[in-house]
Amino acid sequence: MLNFIITETYKEMSGLAAERIALALKKKSDLVMALPTGGTPVGLLEEMSRMAKSGEANFAKAKSFNIDEYIPLKKDDPQSYYWFLNHYFYQHANISVENTFVPDILADDLTAECARYEQTIQAHGDFDITILGIGHDGHIGFNEPHATHSPVCHIINLNEETIEANARFFSHKEDVPQQAITLGMGTILRSKEIVLIANGKSKAAVMKQLHNCAHIDPLFPASFLLLHPNVTVICDREAASLLNI
């Protein structure tokens, strides 16, 4: 059963998620994190940066992994997900560049690169905490609705709904990449703690679907979270507007 926490505002949601990371960091200074990108986590990453600057959180020994990355965007491309995490968090915190990880999109063999990235995660003992967003269709990372799912890091062809949703970040819809590398749900579920964040009325329907979900459905990837014993869903009042809690 998933633990739902409803906050009044987006800022409160972001702050509560940041507190979860800060608490985990106090327990384990070399915390291994998996961090999301997109519109929802901006407030979280900004709060993490503030905590780092104020000394409330020390990321000097922490490790951070991208959950996904577009193919074929380089790390310094303003639309890449590594650039996003660096822009909103890494460059503002005392986290070493060597401790920030992302799949090498320029690798000659991307399938082999997925395996290398998966092995790197396992070599670090898997994630201590994973922060997730959620797509309107229930996708987690870029694990989109499909009859079958790869449990480990893999290449994914993005569906039309995801491309449409991400078009707002690009000058033209045609510029949105068609492929990405994403962590598999099995990789995510090996995390010791999972926190999913959602905000806004546009996420109300998927929050209702997740809250009412009672069984695993590969066409609703977020349902795989039911398999994990320590998942907290933090959403603001608008995202929770259709929940009967």
C-alpha atoms as a PDB file:
ATOM      1  CA  MET A   1       0.000   0.000   0.000  1.00  0.00           C
ATOM      2  CA  LEU A   2       1.317   3.406  -0.966  1.00  0.00           C
ATOM      3  CA  ASN A   3       1.590   6.146   1.644  1.00  0.00           C
ATOM      4  CA  PHE A   4      -0.030   9.373   0.378  1.00  0.00           C
ATOM      5  CA  ILE A   5       0.815  12.783   1.862  1.00  0.00           C
ATOM      6  CA  ILE A   6      -1.167  15.793   0.639  1.00  0.00           C
ATOM      7  CA  THR A   7       0.274  19.285   0.969  1.00  0.00           C
ATOM      8  CA  GLU A   8      -1.520  22.565   0.441  1.00  0.00           C
ATOM      9  CA  THR A   9       1.001  24.002  -1.999  1.00  0.00           C
ATOM     10  CA  TYR A  10       3.657  23.060  -4.532  1.00  0.00           C
ATOM     11  CA  LYS A  11       6.277  24.761  -2.362  1.00  0.00           C
ATOM     12  CA  GLU A  12       5.292  22.642   0.624  1.00  0.00           C
ATOM     13  CA  MET A  13       5.400  19.500  -1.512  1.00  0.00           C
ATOM     14  CA  SER A  14       8.891  20.376  -2.743  1.00  0.00           C
ATOM     15  CA  GLY A  15      10.111  21.177   0.761  1.00  0.00           C
ATOM     16  CA  LEU A  16       8.781  17.946   2.226  1.00  0.00           C
ATOM     17  CA  ALA A  17      10.511  15.887  -0.466  1.00  0.00           C
ATOM     18  CA  ALA A  18      13.763  17.790   0.121  1.00  0.00           C
ATOM     19  CA  GLU A  19      13.482  17.045   3.836  1.00  0.00           C
ATOM     20  CA  ARG A  20      13.290  13.326   3.026  1.00  0.00           C
ATOM     21  CA  ILE A  21      16.591  13.580   1.173  1.00  0.00           C
ATOM     22  CA  ALA A  22      18.197  15.654   3.934  1.00  0.00           C
ATOM     23  CA  LEU A  23      17.110  13.099   6.545  1.00  0.00           C
ATOM     24  CA  ALA A  24      18.487  10.220   4.493  1.00  0.00           C
ATOM     25  CA  LEU A  25      21.726  12.167   4.009  1.00  0.00           C
ATOM     26  CA  LYS A  26      22.149  12.620   7.758  1.00  0.00           C
ATOM     27  CA  LYS A  27      21.816   8.874   8.215  1.00  0.00           C
ATOM     28  CA  LYS A  28      24.252   8.094   5.383  1.00  0.00           C
ATOM     29  CA  SER A  29      26.709  10.783   4.248  1.00  0.00           C
ATOM     30  CA  ASP A  30      27.556   8.902   1.034  1.00  0.00           C
ATOM     31  CA  LEU A  31      23.899   8.708   0.056  1.00  0.00           C
ATOM     32  CA  VAL A  32      23.179   7.256  -3.394  1.00  0.00           C
ATOM     33  CA  MET A  33      20.298   9.137  -5.040  1.00  0.00           C
ATOM     34  CA  ALA A  34      18.319   8.824  -8.258  1.00  0.00           C
ATOM     35  CA  LEU A  35      16.840  12.173  -9.279  1.00  0.00           C
ATOM     36  CA  PRO A  36      14.106  13.090 -11.774  1.00  0.00           C
ATOM     37  CA  THR A  37      13.733  15.923 -14.257  1.00  0.00           C
ATOM     38  CA  GLY A  38      10.825  17.855 -15.733  1.00  0.00           C
ATOM     39  CA  GLY A  39       8.599  20.587 -14.377  1.00  0.00           C
ATOM     40  CA  THR A  40       7.601  18.950 -11.088  1.00  0.00           C
ATOM     41  CA  PRO A  41      11.051  18.545  -9.424  1.00  0.00           C
ATOM     42  CA  VAL A  42      12.299  22.105 -10.045  1.00  0.00           C
ATOM     43  CA  GLY A  43      11.129  23.286  -6.624  1.00  0.00           C
ATOM     44  CA  LEU A  44      12.649  20.238  -4.945  1.00  0.00           C
ATOM     45  CA  LEU A  45      16.034  20.766  -6.612  1.00  0.00           C
ATOM     46  CA  GLU A  46      16.002  24.462  -5.743  1.00  0.00           C
ATOM     47  CA  GLU A  47      15.264  23.617  -2.104  1.00  0.00           C
ATOM     48  CA  MET A  48      18.064  21.039  -2.083  1.00  0.00           C
ATOM     49  CA  SER A  49      20.398  23.715  -3.436  1.00  0.00           C
ATOM     50  CA  ARG A  50      19.289  26.149  -0.745  1.00  0.00           C
ATOM     51  CA  MET A  51      19.892  23.531   1.943  1.00  0.00           C
ATOM     52  CA  ALA A  52      23.362  22.849   0.551  1.00  0.00           C
ATOM     53  CA  LYS A  53      24.263  26.544   0.550  1.00  0.00           C
ATOM     54  CA  SER A  54      22.944  27.074   4.071  1.00  0.00           C
ATOM     55  CA  GLY A  55      24.781  24.055   5.424  1.00  0.00           C
ATOM     56  CA  GLU A  56      21.563  22.208   6.278  1.00  0.00           C
ATOM     57  CA  ALA A  57      22.615  19.396   3.950  1.00  0.00           C
ATOM     58  CA  ASN A  58      26.098  18.238   2.992  1.00  0.00           C
ATOM     59  CA  PHE A  59      26.314  16.525  -0.396  1.00  0.00           C
ATOM     60  CA  ALA A  60      30.132  16.254  -0.438  1.00  0.00           C
ATOM     61  CA  LYS A  61      30.068  12.451  -0.360  1.00  0.00           C
ATOM     62  CA  ALA A  62      26.683  11.898  -2.014  1.00  0.00           C
ATOM     63  CA  LYS A  63      26.243  10.231  -5.397  1.00  0.00           C
ATOM     64  CA  SER A  64      23.525  11.202  -7.851  1.00  0.00           C
ATOM     65  CA  PHE A  65      22.261   9.287 -10.875  1.00  0.00           C
ATOM     66  CA  ASN A  66      20.034  10.489 -13.703  1.00  0.00           C
ATOM     67  CA  ILE A  67      16.887   8.381 -13.995  1.00  0.00           C
ATOM     68  CA  ASP A  68      16.855   8.915 -17.736  1.00  0.00           C
ATOM     69  CA  GLU A  69      18.485  10.809 -20.588  1.00  0.00           C
ATOM     70  CA  TYR A  70      17.485  11.750 -24.109  1.00  0.00           C
ATOM     71  CA  ILE A  71      19.177  10.238 -27.148  1.00  0.00           C
ATOM     72  CA  PRO A  72      21.173  11.920 -28.735  1.00  0.00           C
ATOM     73  CA  LEU A  73      21.572  15.007 -26.498  1.00  0.00           C
ATOM     74  CA  LYS A  74      25.044  15.685 -25.075  1.00  0.00           C
ATOM     75  CA  LYS A  75      25.548  16.522 -21.394  1.00  0.00           C
ATOM     76  CA  ASP A  76      26.022  20.231 -22.165  1.00  0.00           C
ATOM     77  CA  ASP A  77      22.886  20.501 -24.313  1.00  0.00           C
ATOM     78  CA  PRO A  78      20.397  22.784 -22.473  1.00  0.00           C
ATOM     79  CA  GLN A  79      17.645  20.239 -23.218  1.00  0.00           C
ATOM     80  CA  SER A  80      19.555  17.273 -21.827  1.00  0.00           C
ATOM     81  CA  TYR A  81      18.517  15.884 -18.466  1.00  0.00           C
ATOM     82  CA  TYR A  82      22.066  16.000 -17.115  1.00  0.00           C
ATOM     83  CA  TRP A  83      22.164  19.719 -17.942  1.00  0.00           C
ATOM     84  CA  PHE A  84      18.849  20.102 -16.095  1.00  0.00           C
ATOM     85  CA  LEU A  85      20.140  18.526 -12.879  1.00  0.00           C
ATOM     86  CA  ASN A  86      23.371  20.490 -13.128  1.00  0.00           C
ATOM     87  CA  HIS A  87      21.494  23.756 -13.719  1.00  0.00           C
ATOM     88  CA  TYR A  88      19.050  23.372 -10.841  1.00  0.00           C
ATOM     89  CA  PHE A  89      21.149  21.440  -8.339  1.00  0.00           C
ATOM     90  CA  TYR A  90      24.697  20.216  -8.987  1.00  0.00           C
ATOM     91  CA  GLN A  91      26.338  23.580  -9.631  1.00  0.00           C
ATOM     92  CA  HIS A  92      24.750  25.040  -6.509  1.00  0.00           C
ATOM     93  CA  ALA A  93      25.665  22.219  -4.128  1.00  0.00           C
ATOM     94  CA  ASN A  94      28.945  20.784  -2.851  1.00  0.00           C
ATOM     95  CA  ILE A  95      28.562  17.610  -4.876  1.00  0.00           C
ATOM     96  CA  SER A  96      31.587  16.411  -6.873  1.00  0.00           C
ATOM     97  CA  VAL A  97      31.222  16.147 -10.639  1.00  0.00           C
ATOM     98  CA  GLU A  98      32.763  12.670 -10.345  1.00  0.00           C
ATOM     99  CA  ASN A  99      29.795  11.686  -8.172  1.00  0.00           C
ATOM    100  CA  THR A 100      27.158  12.669 -10.755  1.00  0.00           C
ATOM    101  CA  PHE A 101      26.259   9.918 -13.196  1.00  0.00           C
ATOM    102  CA  VAL A 102      24.366   9.776 -16.482  1.00  0.00           C
ATOM    103  CA  PRO A 103      24.390   7.307 -19.389  1.00  0.00           C
ATOM    104  CA  ASP A 104      26.960   8.174 -22.063  1.00  0.00           C
ATOM    105  CA  ILE A 105      24.698   9.002 -24.982  1.00  0.00           C
ATOM    106  CA  LEU A 106      27.748   9.286 -27.272  1.00  0.00           C
ATOM    107  CA  ALA A 107      28.837   5.683 -26.652  1.00  0.00           C
ATOM    108  CA  ASP A 108      29.280   3.634 -29.812  1.00  0.00           C
ATOM    109  CA  ASP A 109      27.159   0.816 -28.392  1.00  0.00           C
ATOM    110  CA  LEU A 110      24.205   2.191 -26.435  1.00  0.00           C
ATOM    111  CA  THR A 111      22.968  -1.254 -25.447  1.00  0.00           C
ATOM    112  CA  ALA A 112      26.349  -1.960 -23.854  1.00  0.00           C
ATOM    113  CA  GLU A 113      26.229   1.499 -22.261  1.00  0.00           C
ATOM    114  CA  CYS A 114      22.893   0.649 -20.636  1.00  0.00           C
ATOM    115  CA  ALA A 115      24.501  -2.465 -19.141  1.00  0.00           C
ATOM    116  CA  ARG A 116      27.498  -0.432 -17.934  1.00  0.00           C
ATOM    117  CA  TYR A 117      25.215   2.152 -16.282  1.00  0.00           C
ATOM    118  CA  GLU A 118      23.233  -0.608 -14.582  1.00  0.00           C
ATOM    119  CA  GLN A 119      26.462  -2.178 -13.321  1.00  0.00           C
ATOM    120  CA  THR A 120      27.668   1.188 -11.999  1.00  0.00           C
ATOM    121  CA  ILE A 121      24.463   1.564  -9.980  1.00  0.00           C
ATOM    122  CA  GLN A 122      24.851  -1.917  -8.529  1.00  0.00           C
ATOM    123  CA  ALA A 123      28.531  -1.268  -7.758  1.00  0.00           C
ATOM    124  CA  HIS A 124      27.379   1.622  -5.560  1.00  0.00           C
ATOM    125  CA  GLY A 125      24.983  -0.641  -3.665  1.00  0.00           C
ATOM    126  CA  ASP A 126      21.855   0.491  -5.537  1.00  0.00           C
ATOM    127  CA  PHE A 127      19.898   3.602  -4.597  1.00  0.00           C
ATOM    128  CA  ASP A 128      19.288   4.653  -1.024  1.00  0.00           C
ATOM    129  CA  ILE A 129      16.541   6.998  -2.167  1.00  0.00           C
ATOM    130  CA  THR A 130      14.829   7.550  -5.512  1.00  0.00           C
ATOM    131  CA  ILE A 131      12.702  10.592  -6.258  1.00  0.00           C
ATOM    132  CA  LEU A 132      10.159  10.049  -9.019  1.00  0.00           C
ATOM    133  CA  GLY A 133       7.790  12.122 -11.064  1.00  0.00           C
ATOM    134  CA  ILE A 134       4.870  10.562 -12.914  1.00  0.00           C
ATOM    135  CA  GLY A 135       3.526  11.021 -16.437  1.00  0.00           C
ATOM    136  CA  HIS A 136      -0.123  11.588 -17.238  1.00  0.00           C
ATOM    137  CA  ASP A 137      -0.263   8.012 -18.536  1.00  0.00           C
ATOM    138  CA  GLY A 138       1.443   6.657 -15.421  1.00  0.00           C
ATOM    139  CA  HIS A 139       4.915   6.362 -16.888  1.00  0.00           C
ATOM    140  CA  ILE A 140       7.822   6.309 -14.451  1.00  0.00           C
ATOM    141  CA  GLY A 141      11.154   7.536 -15.787  1.00  0.00           C
ATOM    142  CA  PHE A 142      10.587   6.697 -19.434  1.00  0.00           C
ATOM    143  CA  ASN A 143       8.973   3.351 -18.636  1.00  0.00           C
ATOM    144  CA  GLU A 144       5.847   3.936 -20.678  1.00  0.00           C
ATOM    145  CA  PRO A 145       2.658   1.848 -20.942  1.00  0.00           C
ATOM    146  CA  HIS A 146       3.570  -1.382 -22.706  1.00  0.00           C
ATOM    147  CA  ALA A 147       2.674  -5.037 -22.468  1.00  0.00           C
ATOM    148  CA  THR A 148       6.240  -5.919 -21.483  1.00  0.00           C
ATOM    149  CA  HIS A 149       8.948  -4.028 -19.583  1.00  0.00           C
ATOM    150  CA  SER A 150      12.701  -4.367 -19.305  1.00  0.00           C
ATOM    151  CA  PRO A 151      13.558  -4.496 -15.590  1.00  0.00           C
ATOM    152  CA  VAL A 152      16.990  -2.904 -16.099  1.00  0.00           C
ATOM    153  CA  CYS A 153      18.432   0.168 -17.791  1.00  0.00           C
ATOM    154  CA  HIS A 154      17.411   0.169 -21.463  1.00  0.00           C
ATOM    155  CA  ILE A 155      16.708   2.144 -24.623  1.00  0.00           C
ATOM    156  CA  ILE A 156      13.096   3.221 -25.109  1.00  0.00           C
ATOM    157  CA  ASN A 157      11.183   4.629 -28.084  1.00  0.00           C
ATOM    158  CA  LEU A 158       9.092   7.484 -26.728  1.00  0.00           C
ATOM    159  CA  ASN A 159       5.373   7.418 -27.428  1.00  0.00           C
ATOM    160  CA  GLU A 160       3.424  10.277 -28.945  1.00  0.00           C
ATOM    161  CA  GLU A 161       1.869  11.393 -25.644  1.00  0.00           C
ATOM    162  CA  THR A 162       5.275  11.734 -23.993  1.00  0.00           C
ATOM    163  CA  ILE A 163       6.693  13.619 -26.974  1.00  0.00           C
ATOM    164  CA  GLU A 164       3.654  15.918 -26.910  1.00  0.00           C
ATOM    165  CA  ALA A 165       3.999  16.523 -23.152  1.00  0.00           C
ATOM    166  CA  ASN A 166       7.705  17.351 -23.450  1.00  0.00           C
ATOM    167  CA  ALA A 167       7.298  19.583 -26.494  1.00  0.00           C
ATOM    168  CA  ARG A 168       6.783  22.583 -24.194  1.00  0.00           C
ATOM    169  CA  PHE A 169      10.477  22.452 -23.316  1.00  0.00           C
ATOM    170  CA  PHE A 170      11.550  22.710 -26.987  1.00  0.00           C
ATOM    171  CA  SER A 171      11.190  25.419 -29.648  1.00  0.00           C
ATOM    172  CA  HIS A 172       9.417  22.982 -31.953  1.00  0.00           C
ATOM    173  CA  LYS A 173       7.750  19.638 -31.373  1.00  0.00           C
ATOM    174  CA  GLU A 174       9.952  18.190 -34.113  1.00  0.00           C
ATOM    175  CA  ASP A 175      12.968  18.915 -31.900  1.00  0.00           C
ATOM    176  CA  VAL A 176      11.835  16.533 -29.153  1.00  0.00           C
ATOM    177  CA  PRO A 177      14.027  13.401 -29.199  1.00  0.00           C
ATOM    178  CA  GLN A 178      12.303  10.181 -30.218  1.00  0.00           C
ATOM    179  CA  GLN A 179      14.394   7.933 -27.972  1.00  0.00           C
ATOM    180  CA  ALA A 180      15.880   7.893 -24.490  1.00  0.00           C
ATOM    181  CA  ILE A 181      17.771   5.693 -22.074  1.00  0.00           C
ATOM    182  CA  THR A 182      15.871   5.007 -18.870  1.00  0.00           C
ATOM    183  CA  LEU A 183      16.291   3.030 -15.691  1.00  0.00           C
ATOM    184  CA  GLY A 184      14.130  -0.075 -15.651  1.00  0.00           C
ATOM    185  CA  MET A 185      11.389  -0.515 -13.059  1.00  0.00           C
ATOM    186  CA  GLY A 186      13.419  -3.328 -11.508  1.00  0.00           C
ATOM    187  CA  THR A 187      16.347  -0.949 -11.002  1.00  0.00           C
ATOM    188  CA  ILE A 188      14.046   1.620  -9.435  1.00  0.00           C
ATOM    189  CA  LEU A 189      12.392  -0.942  -7.184  1.00  0.00           C
ATOM    190  CA  ARG A 190      15.774  -1.965  -5.757  1.00  0.00           C
ATOM    191  CA  SER A 191      15.933   1.481  -4.138  1.00  0.00           C
ATOM    192  CA  LYS A 192      15.649   1.374  -0.353  1.00  0.00           C
ATOM    193  CA  GLU A 193      13.206   4.300  -0.320  1.00  0.00           C
ATOM    194  CA  ILE A 194      11.048   5.816  -3.051  1.00  0.00           C
ATOM    195  CA  VAL A 195       9.366   9.220  -2.986  1.00  0.00           C
ATOM    196  CA  LEU A 196       7.007  10.153  -5.825  1.00  0.00           C
ATOM    197  CA  ILE A 197       6.024  13.803  -6.231  1.00  0.00           C
ATOM    198  CA  ALA A 198       3.146  15.263  -8.257  1.00  0.00           C
ATOM    199  CA  ASN A 199       1.543  18.679  -8.506  1.00  0.00           C
ATOM    200  CA  GLY A 200      -1.158  20.536 -10.359  1.00  0.00           C
ATOM    201  CA  LYS A 201      -4.626  19.736 -11.621  1.00  0.00           C
ATOM    202  CA  SER A 202      -3.219  18.090 -14.744  1.00  0.00           C
ATOM    203  CA  LYS A 203      -1.953  15.249 -12.512  1.00  0.00           C
ATOM    204  CA  ALA A 204      -5.242  14.789 -10.643  1.00  0.00           C
ATOM    205  CA  ALA A 205      -6.520  11.952 -12.872  1.00  0.00           C
ATOM    206  CA  VAL A 206      -3.303   9.924 -12.721  1.00  0.00           C
ATOM    207  CA  MET A 207      -3.096  10.480  -8.947  1.00  0.00           C
ATOM    208  CA  LYS A 208      -6.607   9.073  -8.623  1.00  0.00           C
ATOM    209  CA  GLN A 209      -5.643   6.090 -10.768  1.00  0.00           C
ATOM    210  CA  LEU A 210      -2.518   5.477  -8.677  1.00  0.00           C
ATOM    211  CA  HIS A 211      -4.396   5.824  -5.385  1.00  0.00           C
ATOM    212  CA  ASN A 212      -7.093   3.384  -6.498  1.00  0.00           C
ATOM    213  CA  CYS A 213      -4.640   0.948  -8.089  1.00  0.00           C
ATOM    214  CA  ALA A 214      -4.886  -2.521  -6.516  1.00  0.00           C
ATOM    215  CA  HIS A 215      -2.853  -4.715  -8.876  1.00  0.00           C
ATOM    216  CA  ILE A 216       0.132  -4.590 -11.222  1.00  0.00           C
ATOM    217  CA  ASP A 217      -0.743  -3.468 -14.735  1.00  0.00           C
ATOM    218  CA  PRO A 218       2.106  -3.046 -17.254  1.00  0.00           C
ATOM    219  CA  LEU A 219      -0.106  -0.583 -19.131  1.00  0.00           C
ATOM    220  CA  PHE A 220       0.039   1.587 -15.993  1.00  0.00           C
ATOM    221  CA  PRO A 221       3.757   1.461 -15.084  1.00  0.00           C
ATOM    222  CA  ALA A 222       3.316   3.335 -11.798  1.00  0.00           C
ATOM    223  CA  SER A 223       1.441   0.268 -10.528  1.00  0.00           C
ATOM    224  CA  PHE A 224       4.797  -1.510 -10.170  1.00  0.00           C
ATOM    225  CA  LEU A 225       5.379   0.696  -7.123  1.00  0.00           C
ATOM    226  CA  LEU A 226       2.904  -1.534  -5.282  1.00  0.00           C
ATOM    227  CA  LEU A 227       5.703  -4.100  -5.153  1.00  0.00           C
ATOM    228  CA  HIS A 228       7.885  -1.839  -2.990  1.00  0.00           C
ATOM    229  CA  PRO A 229       7.520  -1.697   0.825  1.00  0.00           C
ATOM    230  CA  ASN A 230       8.606   1.942   1.274  1.00  0.00           C
ATOM    231  CA  VAL A 231       6.939   4.324  -1.172  1.00  0.00           C
ATOM    232  CA  THR A 232       5.683   7.777  -0.195  1.00  0.00           C
ATOM    233  CA  VAL A 233       3.578   9.802  -2.619  1.00  0.00           C
ATOM    234  CA  ILE A 234       3.672  13.553  -1.926  1.00  0.00           C
ATOM    235  CA  CYS A 235       1.245  15.655  -3.938  1.00  0.00           C
ATOM    236  CA  ASP A 236      -0.204  19.110  -3.609  1.00  0.00           C
ATOM    237  CA  ARG A 237      -3.897  19.816  -3.085  1.00  0.00           C
ATOM    238  CA  GLU A 238      -4.593  20.301  -6.805  1.00  0.00           C
ATOM    239  CA  ALA A 239      -3.048  16.972  -7.772  1.00  0.00           C
ATOM    240  CA  ALA A 240      -5.014  15.321  -4.965  1.00  0.00           C
ATOM    241  CA  SER A 241      -8.305  17.008  -5.876  1.00  0.00           C
ATOM    242  CA  LEU A 242      -9.935  13.748  -7.068  1.00  0.00           C
ATOM    243  CA  LEU A 243      -8.834  11.636  -4.093  1.00  0.00           C
ATOM    244  CA  ASN A 244     -11.322  10.660  -1.405  1.00  0.00           C
ATOM    245  CA  ILE A 245      -8.875  11.176   1.465  1.00  0.00           C
END
